[in-house]
Amino acid sequence: MPEFRILSIFNRYLQYGGEETMAAKIAETLSQKALVREYNYSTQEWLDAGKFTAPFRGLKNRHVIRQLRLLQREYKFDFWLIHNVFPAMSPAVYREARRLNVPVIHMLHNYRFGCLNGLLFREGRECRECLKGSFLPGVKNRCWQGKLIPSLYSACFQTAARKSGILHNAARFIALSGRHAELLKTTGIPEEKTSILPLFVETHLLPYVPAPEGGTSFS
């Protein structure tokens, strides 16, 4: 009998990327020691249900909440491992976890809680204008998709996420590096709740590179 029951939660973007790869690899690895179920919802599903109503559903996606509620009732997960709920699952996921009294471990793949595009990067340079929680500069500069309306939506989403209490209510946050954790602290994520898990690297897929004398190489 597995020691833990874990629900891995990920909102797929329109394009496949590294976050989705890492979420899948973590679920695969954890499944060796625990019962893991993955709940993935896609941005495409969200848009297909109606582009004009999407922003409203994105701030409270009742369909997603119903499914999470049913999964929790069936499997009684010990905690939810949240990778991403943006832009379609909605910040209501955080509130539902608290309502169900399910601990949340949040895997932080970017700087979304303090940056509309999640990168801290704009117009070819580093940008920290929204890092402390006011997203007005990001809206003004059209930082998400280079457009005003999507940037305004992202700002509303991130503000709602912060107001959900997740920054203080999560049981644990996982950063990708010490520097990542240091910058995330500026967004309001408690340092004492942050651990570090570097990116998964499939060393057997890397090309062989001869090592210098006394060094190491992958093969």
Protein backbone atom coordinates (compact mmCIF):
# COMPACT_ATOMS: atom_id res chain seq x y z
CA MET A 1 0.00 0.00 0.00
CA PRO A 2 1.53 3.38 -1.03
CA GLU A 3 2.45 5.63 1.86
CA PHE A 4 1.08 8.80 0.26
CA ARG A 5 -1.75 9.68 -2.10
CA ILE A 6 -0.84 12.64 -4.29
CA LEU A 7 -2.80 14.63 -6.85
CA SER A 8 -0.52 16.34 -9.38
CA ILE A 9 -2.20 19.41 -10.91
CA PHE A 10 -1.09 21.11 -14.11
CA ASN A 11 -2.70 23.60 -16.51
CA ARG A 12 -1.34 22.91 -19.98
CA TYR A 13 -0.40 25.92 -22.10
CA LEU A 14 -1.23 26.19 -25.78
CA GLN A 15 2.31 25.08 -26.60
CA TYR A 16 4.08 22.12 -25.05
CA GLY A 17 7.07 23.18 -22.96
CA GLY A 18 9.54 22.38 -20.24
CA GLU A 19 7.06 22.87 -17.38
CA GLU A 20 4.82 20.12 -18.71
CA THR A 21 7.79 17.80 -19.21
CA MET A 22 8.97 18.37 -15.65
CA ALA A 23 5.50 17.93 -14.15
CA ALA A 24 5.17 14.57 -15.90
CA LYS A 25 8.64 13.43 -14.83
CA ILE A 26 8.02 14.36 -11.20
CA ALA A 27 4.71 12.46 -11.22
CA GLU A 28 6.43 9.45 -12.78
CA THR A 29 9.19 9.51 -10.16
CA LEU A 30 6.81 9.95 -7.23
CA SER A 31 4.64 7.08 -8.47
CA GLN A 32 7.45 4.70 -7.54
CA LYS A 33 6.80 5.44 -3.87
CA ALA A 34 3.22 6.75 -3.77
CA LEU A 35 -0.16 6.60 -5.42
CA VAL A 36 -0.12 9.50 -7.88
CA ARG A 37 -2.97 10.76 -10.02
CA GLU A 38 -2.50 13.54 -12.55
CA TYR A 39 -5.17 16.13 -13.23
CA ASN A 40 -4.35 18.13 -16.35
CA TYR A 41 -6.58 20.80 -17.82
CA SER A 42 -5.65 22.68 -20.97
CA THR A 43 -5.89 26.29 -22.05
CA GLN A 44 -7.33 24.99 -25.33
CA GLU A 45 -10.27 23.36 -23.49
CA TRP A 46 -10.87 26.68 -21.74
CA LEU A 47 -10.94 28.61 -25.02
CA ASP A 48 -13.04 25.99 -26.81
CA ALA A 49 -15.75 26.42 -24.17
CA GLY A 50 -16.15 30.05 -25.26
CA LYS A 51 -13.53 32.71 -25.89
CA PHE A 52 -15.72 35.60 -24.76
CA THR A 53 -16.59 33.99 -21.42
CA ALA A 54 -13.09 32.56 -20.86
CA PRO A 55 -11.84 35.44 -18.66
CA PHE A 56 -14.76 35.01 -16.25
CA ARG A 57 -14.32 31.23 -16.11
CA GLY A 58 -10.59 31.74 -15.64
CA LEU A 59 -11.17 33.63 -12.42
CA LYS A 60 -13.46 30.88 -11.11
CA ASN A 61 -13.50 27.74 -13.20
CA ARG A 62 -16.43 25.79 -11.78
CA HIS A 63 -15.81 22.81 -14.09
CA VAL A 64 -12.28 22.36 -12.75
CA ILE A 65 -13.39 22.79 -9.14
CA ARG A 66 -16.11 20.13 -9.54
CA GLN A 67 -13.61 17.66 -10.96
CA LEU A 68 -11.05 18.32 -8.22
CA ARG A 69 -13.76 17.89 -5.59
CA LEU A 70 -14.79 14.53 -7.05
CA LEU A 71 -11.19 13.33 -7.27
CA GLN A 72 -10.52 14.30 -3.67
CA ARG A 73 -13.68 12.52 -2.52
CA GLU A 74 -12.71 9.34 -4.38
CA TYR A 75 -8.99 9.12 -3.58
CA LYS A 76 -8.65 11.15 -0.37
CA PHE A 77 -5.28 12.58 -1.39
CA ASP A 78 -2.83 13.47 1.35
CA PHE A 79 -1.82 16.59 -0.56
CA TRP A 80 -2.10 18.35 -3.90
CA LEU A 81 1.13 18.97 -5.81
CA ILE A 82 0.30 22.08 -7.83
CA HIS A 83 2.55 22.95 -10.77
CA ASN A 84 0.43 25.53 -12.55
CA VAL A 85 -3.18 26.77 -12.58
CA PHE A 86 -2.65 29.68 -15.02
CA PRO A 87 -4.38 30.80 -17.19
CA ALA A 88 -7.44 28.55 -17.15
CA MET A 89 -7.84 26.51 -13.96
CA SER A 90 -8.36 29.67 -11.90
CA PRO A 91 -7.18 30.77 -8.43
CA ALA A 92 -10.29 29.04 -7.08
CA VAL A 93 -8.16 25.87 -7.03
CA TYR A 94 -6.23 27.33 -4.09
CA ARG A 95 -9.40 28.25 -2.24
CA GLU A 96 -10.89 24.80 -2.85
CA ALA A 97 -7.82 23.09 -1.41
CA ARG A 98 -8.19 25.20 1.72
CA ARG A 99 -11.93 24.50 1.90
CA LEU A 100 -11.27 20.74 1.68
CA ASN A 101 -8.41 21.05 4.18
CA VAL A 102 -5.96 19.50 1.71
CA PRO A 103 -2.32 20.60 2.10
CA VAL A 104 -0.77 22.17 -1.01
CA ILE A 105 2.82 21.76 -2.15
CA HIS A 106 3.44 24.26 -4.93
CA MET A 107 6.14 23.60 -7.51
CA LEU A 108 7.30 26.99 -8.78
CA HIS A 109 8.52 26.77 -12.37
CA ASN A 110 8.75 30.53 -12.95
CA TYR A 111 8.14 33.93 -11.30
CA ARG A 112 4.41 34.11 -12.04
CA PHE A 113 3.41 35.35 -8.56
CA GLY A 114 5.49 38.47 -9.18
CA CYS A 115 5.54 38.88 -12.96
CA LEU A 116 2.82 38.79 -15.61
CA ASN A 117 4.90 36.80 -18.08
CA GLY A 118 6.62 34.79 -15.35
CA LEU A 119 10.11 35.56 -16.65
CA LEU A 120 11.22 38.82 -14.97
CA PHE A 121 12.32 39.78 -18.47
CA ARG A 122 11.00 42.46 -20.82
CA GLU A 123 12.26 44.07 -24.01
CA GLY A 124 15.61 42.32 -23.87
CA ARG A 125 16.43 43.15 -20.25
CA GLU A 126 15.69 42.06 -16.71
CA CYS A 127 12.57 43.61 -15.22
CA ARG A 128 11.39 43.51 -11.59
CA GLU A 129 8.72 46.20 -11.67
CA CYS A 130 5.87 43.88 -10.57
CA LEU A 131 7.88 41.69 -8.22
CA LYS A 132 6.28 42.96 -5.01
CA GLY A 133 2.71 42.43 -6.16
CA SER A 134 1.50 45.51 -8.07
CA PHE A 135 0.97 44.43 -11.66
CA LEU A 136 0.12 47.85 -13.12
CA PRO A 137 3.54 48.20 -14.80
CA GLY A 138 3.00 44.83 -16.47
CA VAL A 139 -0.38 45.91 -17.79
CA LYS A 140 1.03 49.24 -19.00
CA ASN A 141 3.88 47.48 -20.80
CA ARG A 142 1.63 44.72 -22.19
CA CYS A 143 3.83 42.03 -20.71
CA TRP A 144 1.63 39.02 -21.45
CA GLN A 145 1.35 38.18 -25.14
CA GLY A 146 2.35 41.78 -25.94
CA LYS A 147 -1.31 42.85 -25.69
CA LEU A 148 -3.28 45.04 -23.30
CA ILE A 149 -6.35 42.84 -22.66
CA PRO A 150 -4.42 39.59 -22.04
CA SER A 151 -2.05 41.52 -19.76
CA LEU A 152 -5.01 42.96 -17.84
CA TYR A 153 -6.46 39.45 -17.49
CA SER A 154 -3.13 38.10 -16.23
CA ALA A 155 -2.95 40.93 -13.69
CA CYS A 156 -6.45 40.15 -12.43
CA PHE A 157 -5.60 36.44 -12.24
CA GLN A 158 -2.38 36.98 -10.29
CA THR A 159 -4.03 39.46 -7.94
CA ALA A 160 -6.82 36.96 -7.25
CA ALA A 161 -4.24 34.21 -6.70
CA ARG A 162 -2.42 36.32 -4.11
CA LYS A 163 -5.71 37.24 -2.41
CA SER A 164 -6.60 33.55 -2.16
CA GLY A 165 -4.00 33.31 0.60
CA ILE A 166 -1.88 30.69 -1.17
CA LEU A 167 1.38 32.53 -0.41
CA HIS A 168 0.84 31.90 3.29
CA ASN A 169 -1.44 28.86 3.31
CA ALA A 170 0.62 26.48 1.18
CA ALA A 171 2.38 23.80 3.18
CA ARG A 172 5.50 24.06 1.01
CA PHE A 173 6.93 25.80 -2.04
CA ILE A 174 9.59 24.24 -4.24
CA ALA A 175 12.01 26.45 -6.16
CA LEU A 176 14.46 25.42 -8.87
CA SER A 177 17.59 26.99 -7.42
CA GLY A 178 18.89 29.14 -4.59
CA ARG A 179 18.67 32.25 -6.78
CA HIS A 180 15.13 31.33 -7.80
CA ALA A 181 14.16 30.97 -4.13
CA GLU A 182 15.80 34.27 -3.24
CA LEU A 183 13.83 36.21 -5.85
CA LEU A 184 10.59 34.41 -5.01
CA LYS A 185 10.97 35.60 -1.43
CA THR A 186 10.50 39.14 -2.76
CA THR A 187 7.04 38.16 -4.08
CA GLY A 188 5.93 37.29 -0.55
CA ILE A 189 6.61 33.56 -0.54
CA PRO A 190 7.90 32.67 2.95
CA GLU A 191 11.55 31.66 2.93
CA GLU A 192 10.99 29.14 5.73
CA LYS A 193 8.44 27.31 3.55
CA THR A 194 10.67 27.09 0.47
CA SER A 195 12.74 24.07 -0.55
CA ILE A 196 14.91 23.60 -3.65
CA LEU A 197 14.56 20.87 -6.27
CA PRO A 198 16.73 21.38 -9.38
CA LEU A 199 15.37 20.61 -12.82
CA PHE A 200 15.24 16.95 -13.83
CA VAL A 201 17.97 16.08 -16.34
CA GLU A 202 17.88 12.88 -18.38
CA THR A 203 21.64 12.33 -18.53
CA HIS A 204 21.34 9.34 -20.84
CA LEU A 205 19.82 11.61 -23.51
CA LEU A 206 22.73 14.05 -23.48
CA PRO A 207 25.39 13.70 -26.17
CA TYR A 208 28.73 12.34 -25.08
CA VAL A 209 31.20 15.15 -24.45
CA PRO A 210 34.82 14.19 -23.72
CA ALA A 211 35.82 15.60 -20.36
CA PRO A 212 38.98 17.57 -19.78
CA GLU A 213 41.72 15.89 -17.77
CA GLY A 214 40.41 15.18 -14.28
CA GLY A 215 36.86 16.21 -15.19
CA THR A 216 33.61 14.33 -15.76
CA SER A 217 31.41 13.69 -18.76
CA PHE A 218 27.97 12.30 -19.58
CA SER A 219 27.50 9.24 -21.74
